[in-house]
Amino acid sequence: MGMRMIDTVKYGGLCAQAAPKIIENNEELERFSEVLERISCKRNAGREEQALAKLLERLIQDYDERNYPTDIPPRELILYLMEHRDLRQADLLPVFGSRSVASAVLNGKREISKAHARKLAEYFRLPVDLFI
């Protein structure tokens, strides 16, 4: 038919190493995110690796949708994530650059810039549009 099949033995080996399953906590999220990143950084990932990457993307997306509401304002999302991950304002200094900017954003006195939104997305490993 023209559709290229994956090598089930090779794919099975990759799955055995990654052990994909429904993500239940941040440690599992981090582990699967690292595996996905390794695959994504490969120049010539094979069909089997691409199939595993798609599975991991779906598992990560499902976890994010269950644990990180997307219908709340960006500032409230940051506060929610900080509480959920037991973070303090000082933990976000790499994102905001200074205590005063972090304080102003978290207290609603300053809008989140596009640069901050990108850094927040990277920091929390979430889509950037959640912070805009």
N, C-alpha and C. Protein backbone atom coordinates (compact mmCIF):
# COMPACT_ATOMS: atom_id res chain seq x y z
N MET A 1 0.79 -1.21 0.00
CA MET A 1 0.00 0.00 0.00
C MET A 1 0.83 1.27 0.00
N GLY A 2 2.06 1.28 0.16
CA GLY A 2 2.84 2.49 0.19
C GLY A 2 3.07 3.00 1.61
N MET A 3 2.31 2.50 2.58
CA MET A 3 2.50 2.90 3.97
C MET A 3 3.65 2.10 4.56
N ARG A 4 4.62 2.79 5.09
CA ARG A 4 5.79 2.12 5.63
C ARG A 4 5.50 1.70 7.06
N MET A 5 5.73 0.44 7.34
CA MET A 5 5.46 -0.11 8.65
C MET A 5 6.69 0.06 9.55
N ILE A 6 6.42 0.05 10.82
CA ILE A 6 7.54 0.12 11.76
C ILE A 6 8.01 -1.29 12.08
N ASP A 7 9.24 -1.39 12.46
CA ASP A 7 9.82 -2.66 12.91
C ASP A 7 9.34 -2.88 14.34
N THR A 8 8.44 -3.85 14.53
CA THR A 8 7.84 -4.04 15.86
C THR A 8 8.86 -4.50 16.90
N VAL A 9 9.87 -5.21 16.47
CA VAL A 9 10.90 -5.64 17.42
C VAL A 9 11.70 -4.43 17.91
N LYS A 10 12.09 -3.57 16.97
CA LYS A 10 12.84 -2.36 17.33
C LYS A 10 11.97 -1.42 18.18
N TYR A 11 10.72 -1.25 17.77
CA TYR A 11 9.80 -0.41 18.52
C TYR A 11 9.57 -0.97 19.92
N GLY A 12 9.42 -2.28 20.01
CA GLY A 12 9.24 -2.93 21.31
C GLY A 12 10.43 -2.69 22.23
N GLY A 13 11.64 -2.72 21.65
CA GLY A 13 12.84 -2.45 22.43
C GLY A 13 12.86 -1.02 22.96
N LEU A 14 12.47 -0.08 22.09
CA LEU A 14 12.41 1.33 22.52
C LEU A 14 11.37 1.52 23.63
N CYS A 15 10.23 0.85 23.46
CA CYS A 15 9.18 0.95 24.48
C CYS A 15 9.63 0.31 25.79
N ALA A 16 10.37 -0.78 25.70
CA ALA A 16 10.87 -1.43 26.91
C ALA A 16 11.80 -0.50 27.67
N GLN A 17 12.62 0.26 26.95
CA GLN A 17 13.53 1.21 27.59
C GLN A 17 12.77 2.38 28.20
N ALA A 18 11.83 2.94 27.45
CA ALA A 18 11.10 4.13 27.91
C ALA A 18 9.98 3.78 28.90
N ALA A 19 9.42 2.59 28.77
CA ALA A 19 8.30 2.13 29.62
C ALA A 19 7.17 3.16 29.67
N PRO A 20 6.62 3.55 28.50
CA PRO A 20 5.56 4.56 28.51
C PRO A 20 4.30 4.05 29.19
N LYS A 21 3.66 4.94 29.93
CA LYS A 21 2.41 4.65 30.62
C LYS A 21 1.71 5.96 30.93
N ILE A 22 0.50 5.88 31.44
CA ILE A 22 -0.20 7.08 31.84
C ILE A 22 0.64 7.80 32.90
N ILE A 23 0.90 9.09 32.69
CA ILE A 23 1.74 9.87 33.60
C ILE A 23 0.91 10.25 34.82
N GLU A 24 1.46 9.95 36.00
CA GLU A 24 0.73 10.20 37.23
C GLU A 24 1.37 11.24 38.14
N ASN A 25 2.61 11.65 37.86
CA ASN A 25 3.25 12.64 38.72
C ASN A 25 4.33 13.39 37.94
N ASN A 26 4.88 14.43 38.56
CA ASN A 26 5.86 15.27 37.89
C ASN A 26 7.16 14.54 37.59
N GLU A 27 7.52 13.56 38.40
CA GLU A 27 8.75 12.80 38.15
C GLU A 27 8.62 12.00 36.84
N GLU A 28 7.46 11.37 36.66
CA GLU A 28 7.22 10.64 35.41
C GLU A 28 7.15 11.61 34.24
N LEU A 29 6.53 12.74 34.44
CA LEU A 29 6.47 13.76 33.39
C LEU A 29 7.88 14.16 32.96
N GLU A 30 8.73 14.41 33.94
CA GLU A 30 10.11 14.81 33.65
C GLU A 30 10.86 13.71 32.89
N ARG A 31 10.67 12.48 33.32
CA ARG A 31 11.38 11.35 32.67
C ARG A 31 10.94 11.22 31.22
N PHE A 32 9.64 11.25 30.98
CA PHE A 32 9.16 11.11 29.60
C PHE A 32 9.52 12.31 28.75
N SER A 33 9.54 13.50 29.37
CA SER A 33 9.94 14.70 28.63
C SER A 33 11.39 14.60 28.19
N GLU A 34 12.23 14.05 29.03
CA GLU A 34 13.65 13.87 28.68
C GLU A 34 13.81 12.88 27.53
N VAL A 35 13.06 11.78 27.57
CA VAL A 35 13.13 10.81 26.48
C VAL A 35 12.66 11.46 25.18
N LEU A 36 11.55 12.19 25.25
CA LEU A 36 11.02 12.88 24.07
C LEU A 36 12.03 13.88 23.53
N GLU A 37 12.68 14.61 24.41
CA GLU A 37 13.67 15.60 23.98
C GLU A 37 14.85 14.92 23.28
N ARG A 38 15.30 13.80 23.82
CA ARG A 38 16.42 13.07 23.18
C ARG A 38 16.04 12.64 21.77
N ILE A 39 14.83 12.13 21.61
CA ILE A 39 14.37 11.70 20.29
C ILE A 39 14.24 12.92 19.37
N SER A 40 13.67 13.99 19.88
CA SER A 40 13.44 15.19 19.07
C SER A 40 14.74 15.83 18.61
N CYS A 41 15.82 15.66 19.37
CA CYS A 41 17.10 16.27 19.02
C CYS A 41 17.89 15.44 18.00
N LYS A 42 17.45 14.22 17.75
CA LYS A 42 18.15 13.39 16.78
C LYS A 42 17.87 13.89 15.37
N ARG A 43 18.90 13.91 14.57
CA ARG A 43 18.73 14.36 13.18
C ARG A 43 17.93 13.37 12.34
N ASN A 44 18.22 12.11 12.50
CA ASN A 44 17.60 11.08 11.66
C ASN A 44 16.88 10.05 12.50
N ALA A 45 15.90 10.49 13.27
CA ALA A 45 15.13 9.55 14.08
C ALA A 45 14.37 8.61 13.14
N GLY A 46 14.42 7.34 13.46
CA GLY A 46 13.74 6.34 12.64
C GLY A 46 12.24 6.34 12.88
N ARG A 47 11.54 5.58 12.07
CA ARG A 47 10.08 5.50 12.19
C ARG A 47 9.66 5.03 13.58
N GLU A 48 10.43 4.10 14.14
CA GLU A 48 10.10 3.58 15.45
C GLU A 48 10.26 4.66 16.53
N GLU A 49 11.31 5.43 16.43
CA GLU A 49 11.52 6.53 17.38
C GLU A 49 10.45 7.60 17.20
N GLN A 50 10.08 7.88 15.97
CA GLN A 50 9.03 8.86 15.71
C GLN A 50 7.70 8.39 16.29
N ALA A 51 7.42 7.09 16.18
CA ALA A 51 6.18 6.54 16.75
C ALA A 51 6.19 6.66 18.27
N LEU A 52 7.32 6.37 18.89
CA LEU A 52 7.43 6.51 20.34
C LEU A 52 7.28 7.98 20.74
N ALA A 53 7.87 8.88 19.98
CA ALA A 53 7.77 10.31 20.26
C ALA A 53 6.30 10.76 20.23
N LYS A 54 5.55 10.29 19.24
CA LYS A 54 4.13 10.65 19.14
C LYS A 54 3.36 10.14 20.35
N LEU A 55 3.68 8.93 20.80
CA LEU A 55 3.03 8.38 21.99
C LEU A 55 3.36 9.21 23.22
N LEU A 56 4.63 9.55 23.39
CA LEU A 56 5.04 10.35 24.54
C LEU A 56 4.41 11.73 24.51
N GLU A 57 4.33 12.34 23.33
CA GLU A 57 3.69 13.64 23.20
C GLU A 57 2.24 13.57 23.68
N ARG A 58 1.55 12.52 23.29
CA ARG A 58 0.15 12.36 23.69
C ARG A 58 0.03 12.16 25.20
N LEU A 59 0.91 11.34 25.77
CA LEU A 59 0.88 11.11 27.21
C LEU A 59 1.15 12.41 27.98
N ILE A 60 2.12 13.18 27.52
CA ILE A 60 2.46 14.46 28.15
C ILE A 60 1.31 15.45 28.01
N GLN A 61 0.73 15.52 26.83
CA GLN A 61 -0.40 16.41 26.60
C GLN A 61 -1.58 16.04 27.50
N ASP A 62 -1.87 14.75 27.61
CA ASP A 62 -2.96 14.31 28.48
C ASP A 62 -2.71 14.69 29.94
N TYR A 63 -1.47 14.50 30.39
CA TYR A 63 -1.12 14.87 31.76
C TYR A 63 -1.29 16.37 31.98
N ASP A 64 -0.80 17.15 31.04
CA ASP A 64 -0.91 18.61 31.15
C ASP A 64 -2.37 19.04 31.21
N GLU A 65 -3.20 18.45 30.37
CA GLU A 65 -4.61 18.82 30.33
C GLU A 65 -5.31 18.46 31.63
N ARG A 66 -4.92 17.34 32.25
CA ARG A 66 -5.51 16.92 33.52
C ARG A 66 -5.04 17.78 34.69
N ASN A 67 -3.80 18.23 34.64
CA ASN A 67 -3.21 18.87 35.81
C ASN A 67 -3.02 20.37 35.72
N TYR A 68 -3.09 20.93 34.53
CA TYR A 68 -2.85 22.36 34.37
C TYR A 68 -3.99 22.98 33.58
N PRO A 69 -4.95 23.54 34.29
CA PRO A 69 -6.09 24.13 33.60
C PRO A 69 -5.66 25.22 32.64
N THR A 70 -6.31 25.28 31.49
CA THR A 70 -5.92 26.25 30.47
C THR A 70 -6.90 27.40 30.34
N ASP A 71 -7.96 27.38 31.12
CA ASP A 71 -8.97 28.43 30.98
C ASP A 71 -8.84 29.50 32.07
N ILE A 72 -7.65 29.62 32.64
CA ILE A 72 -7.45 30.64 33.66
C ILE A 72 -6.46 31.68 33.14
N PRO A 73 -6.54 32.90 33.65
CA PRO A 73 -5.62 33.95 33.21
C PRO A 73 -4.16 33.55 33.50
N PRO A 74 -3.22 34.03 32.67
CA PRO A 74 -1.81 33.66 32.82
C PRO A 74 -1.25 33.87 34.22
N ARG A 75 -1.56 35.01 34.84
CA ARG A 75 -1.03 35.28 36.19
C ARG A 75 -1.53 34.24 37.18
N GLU A 76 -2.80 33.90 37.09
CA GLU A 76 -3.37 32.90 37.99
C GLU A 76 -2.77 31.52 37.71
N LEU A 77 -2.48 31.24 36.44
CA LEU A 77 -1.84 29.98 36.10
C LEU A 77 -0.46 29.88 36.74
N ILE A 78 0.29 30.97 36.69
CA ILE A 78 1.62 30.99 37.32
C ILE A 78 1.49 30.71 38.82
N LEU A 79 0.55 31.39 39.46
CA LEU A 79 0.34 31.19 40.90
C LEU A 79 -0.07 29.75 41.20
N TYR A 80 -0.94 29.20 40.35
CA TYR A 80 -1.36 27.80 40.51
C TYR A 80 -0.16 26.87 40.37
N LEU A 81 0.65 27.07 39.34
CA LEU A 81 1.83 26.23 39.12
C LEU A 81 2.82 26.35 40.27
N MET A 82 2.99 27.56 40.76
CA MET A 82 3.91 27.75 41.89
C MET A 82 3.42 26.98 43.11
N GLU A 83 2.13 27.06 43.38
CA GLU A 83 1.59 26.34 44.53
C GLU A 83 1.68 24.83 44.32
N HIS A 84 1.31 24.38 43.13
CA HIS A 84 1.31 22.95 42.80
C HIS A 84 2.71 22.35 42.86
N ARG A 85 3.70 23.14 42.51
CA ARG A 85 5.09 22.65 42.48
C ARG A 85 5.90 23.13 43.68
N ASP A 86 5.22 23.74 44.63
CA ASP A 86 5.86 24.22 45.86
C ASP A 86 7.03 25.16 45.56
N LEU A 87 6.76 26.15 44.71
CA LEU A 87 7.77 27.13 44.33
C LEU A 87 7.52 28.45 45.05
N ARG A 88 8.58 29.21 45.20
CA ARG A 88 8.49 30.55 45.77
C ARG A 88 8.78 31.57 44.67
N GLN A 89 8.48 32.80 44.92
CA GLN A 89 8.74 33.87 43.95
C GLN A 89 10.21 33.88 43.55
N ALA A 90 11.09 33.65 44.49
CA ALA A 90 12.53 33.65 44.20
C ALA A 90 12.92 32.56 43.20
N ASP A 91 12.14 31.49 43.15
CA ASP A 91 12.44 30.42 42.20
C ASP A 91 12.24 30.86 40.76
N LEU A 92 11.49 31.93 40.56
CA LEU A 92 11.21 32.42 39.21
C LEU A 92 12.14 33.56 38.78
N LEU A 93 13.15 33.83 39.57
CA LEU A 93 14.11 34.88 39.19
C LEU A 93 14.78 34.61 37.84
N PRO A 94 15.10 33.36 37.50
CA PRO A 94 15.67 33.13 36.16
C PRO A 94 14.72 33.52 35.02
N VAL A 95 13.44 33.50 35.31
CA VAL A 95 12.44 33.86 34.30
C VAL A 95 12.29 35.37 34.21
N PHE A 96 12.13 36.02 35.36
CA PHE A 96 11.82 37.45 35.37
C PHE A 96 13.04 38.36 35.49
N GLY A 97 14.14 37.83 35.97
CA GLY A 97 15.37 38.62 36.02
C GLY A 97 15.56 39.43 37.28
N SER A 98 14.49 39.81 37.94
CA SER A 98 14.63 40.57 39.18
C SER A 98 13.42 40.30 40.08
N ARG A 99 13.63 40.55 41.36
CA ARG A 99 12.55 40.35 42.33
C ARG A 99 11.41 41.34 42.07
N SER A 100 11.76 42.57 41.70
CA SER A 100 10.72 43.59 41.51
C SER A 100 9.82 43.25 40.33
N VAL A 101 10.39 42.75 39.24
CA VAL A 101 9.57 42.38 38.08
C VAL A 101 8.71 41.17 38.43
N ALA A 102 9.31 40.17 39.08
CA ALA A 102 8.55 38.99 39.49
C ALA A 102 7.39 39.40 40.39
N SER A 103 7.66 40.25 41.35
CA SER A 103 6.62 40.71 42.27
C SER A 103 5.52 41.47 41.53
N ALA A 104 5.90 42.34 40.64
CA ALA A 104 4.91 43.13 39.90
C ALA A 104 4.01 42.22 39.04
N VAL A 105 4.59 41.23 38.38
CA VAL A 105 3.80 40.31 37.56
C VAL A 105 2.88 39.47 38.44
N LEU A 106 3.44 38.89 39.50
CA LEU A 106 2.66 38.00 40.36
C LEU A 106 1.57 38.73 41.14
N ASN A 107 1.74 40.03 41.35
CA ASN A 107 0.71 40.82 42.06
C ASN A 107 -0.24 41.51 41.10
N GLY A 108 -0.08 41.26 39.80
CA GLY A 108 -1.00 41.83 38.81
C GLY A 108 -0.76 43.28 38.48
N LYS A 109 0.39 43.82 38.85
CA LYS A 109 0.70 45.22 38.58
C LYS A 109 1.43 45.40 37.26
N ARG A 110 1.83 44.30 36.67
CA ARG A 110 2.57 44.34 35.40
C ARG A 110 2.13 43.16 34.55
N GLU A 111 1.96 43.40 33.26
CA GLU A 111 1.59 42.33 32.33
C GLU A 111 2.80 41.44 32.05
N ILE A 112 2.53 40.24 31.63
CA ILE A 112 3.60 39.30 31.25
C ILE A 112 4.05 39.65 29.84
N SER A 113 5.34 39.91 29.67
CA SER A 113 5.87 40.23 28.34
C SER A 113 5.98 38.95 27.52
N LYS A 114 6.14 39.11 26.22
CA LYS A 114 6.32 37.95 25.34
C LYS A 114 7.58 37.18 25.71
N ALA A 115 8.63 37.91 26.07
CA ALA A 115 9.89 37.25 26.47
C ALA A 115 9.67 36.45 27.75
N HIS A 116 8.94 37.02 28.70
CA HIS A 116 8.66 36.30 29.94
C HIS A 116 7.78 35.09 29.66
N ALA A 117 6.82 35.24 28.75
CA ALA A 117 5.94 34.12 28.40
C ALA A 117 6.76 32.96 27.84
N ARG A 118 7.72 33.26 26.99
CA ARG A 118 8.59 32.20 26.42
C ARG A 118 9.40 31.53 27.52
N LYS A 119 9.94 32.34 28.44
CA LYS A 119 10.74 31.78 29.53
C LYS A 119 9.88 30.96 30.49
N LEU A 120 8.67 31.43 30.75
CA LEU A 120 7.75 30.67 31.61
C LEU A 120 7.39 29.33 30.97
N ALA A 121 7.13 29.36 29.68
CA ALA A 121 6.79 28.12 28.96
C ALA A 121 7.94 27.12 29.05
N GLU A 122 9.14 27.61 28.88
CA GLU A 122 10.32 26.75 28.97
C GLU A 122 10.49 26.25 30.41
N TYR A 123 10.36 27.13 31.36
CA TYR A 123 10.55 26.78 32.77
C TYR A 123 9.55 25.72 33.23
N PHE A 124 8.29 25.90 32.86
CA PHE A 124 7.24 24.98 33.29
C PHE A 124 6.97 23.86 32.28
N ARG A 125 7.65 23.92 31.14
CA ARG A 125 7.47 22.93 30.08
C ARG A 125 6.00 22.84 29.64
N LEU A 126 5.48 24.01 29.34
CA LEU A 126 4.08 24.13 28.88
C LEU A 126 4.07 25.00 27.64
N PRO A 127 2.98 24.97 26.87
CA PRO A 127 2.89 25.81 25.67
C PRO A 127 2.93 27.30 26.03
N VAL A 128 3.60 28.06 25.21
CA VAL A 128 3.79 29.50 25.47
C VAL A 128 2.46 30.24 25.47
N ASP A 129 1.49 29.80 24.68
CA ASP A 129 0.24 30.54 24.59
C ASP A 129 -0.55 30.54 25.91
N LEU A 130 -0.21 29.67 26.84
CA LEU A 130 -0.88 29.69 28.15
C LEU A 130 -0.49 30.91 28.97
N PHE A 131 0.64 31.54 28.62
CA PHE A 131 1.16 32.66 29.40
C PHE A 131 0.96 34.01 28.70
N ILE A 132 0.28 33.99 27.58
CA ILE A 132 0.07 35.24 26.81
C ILE A 132 -1.35 35.72 27.01
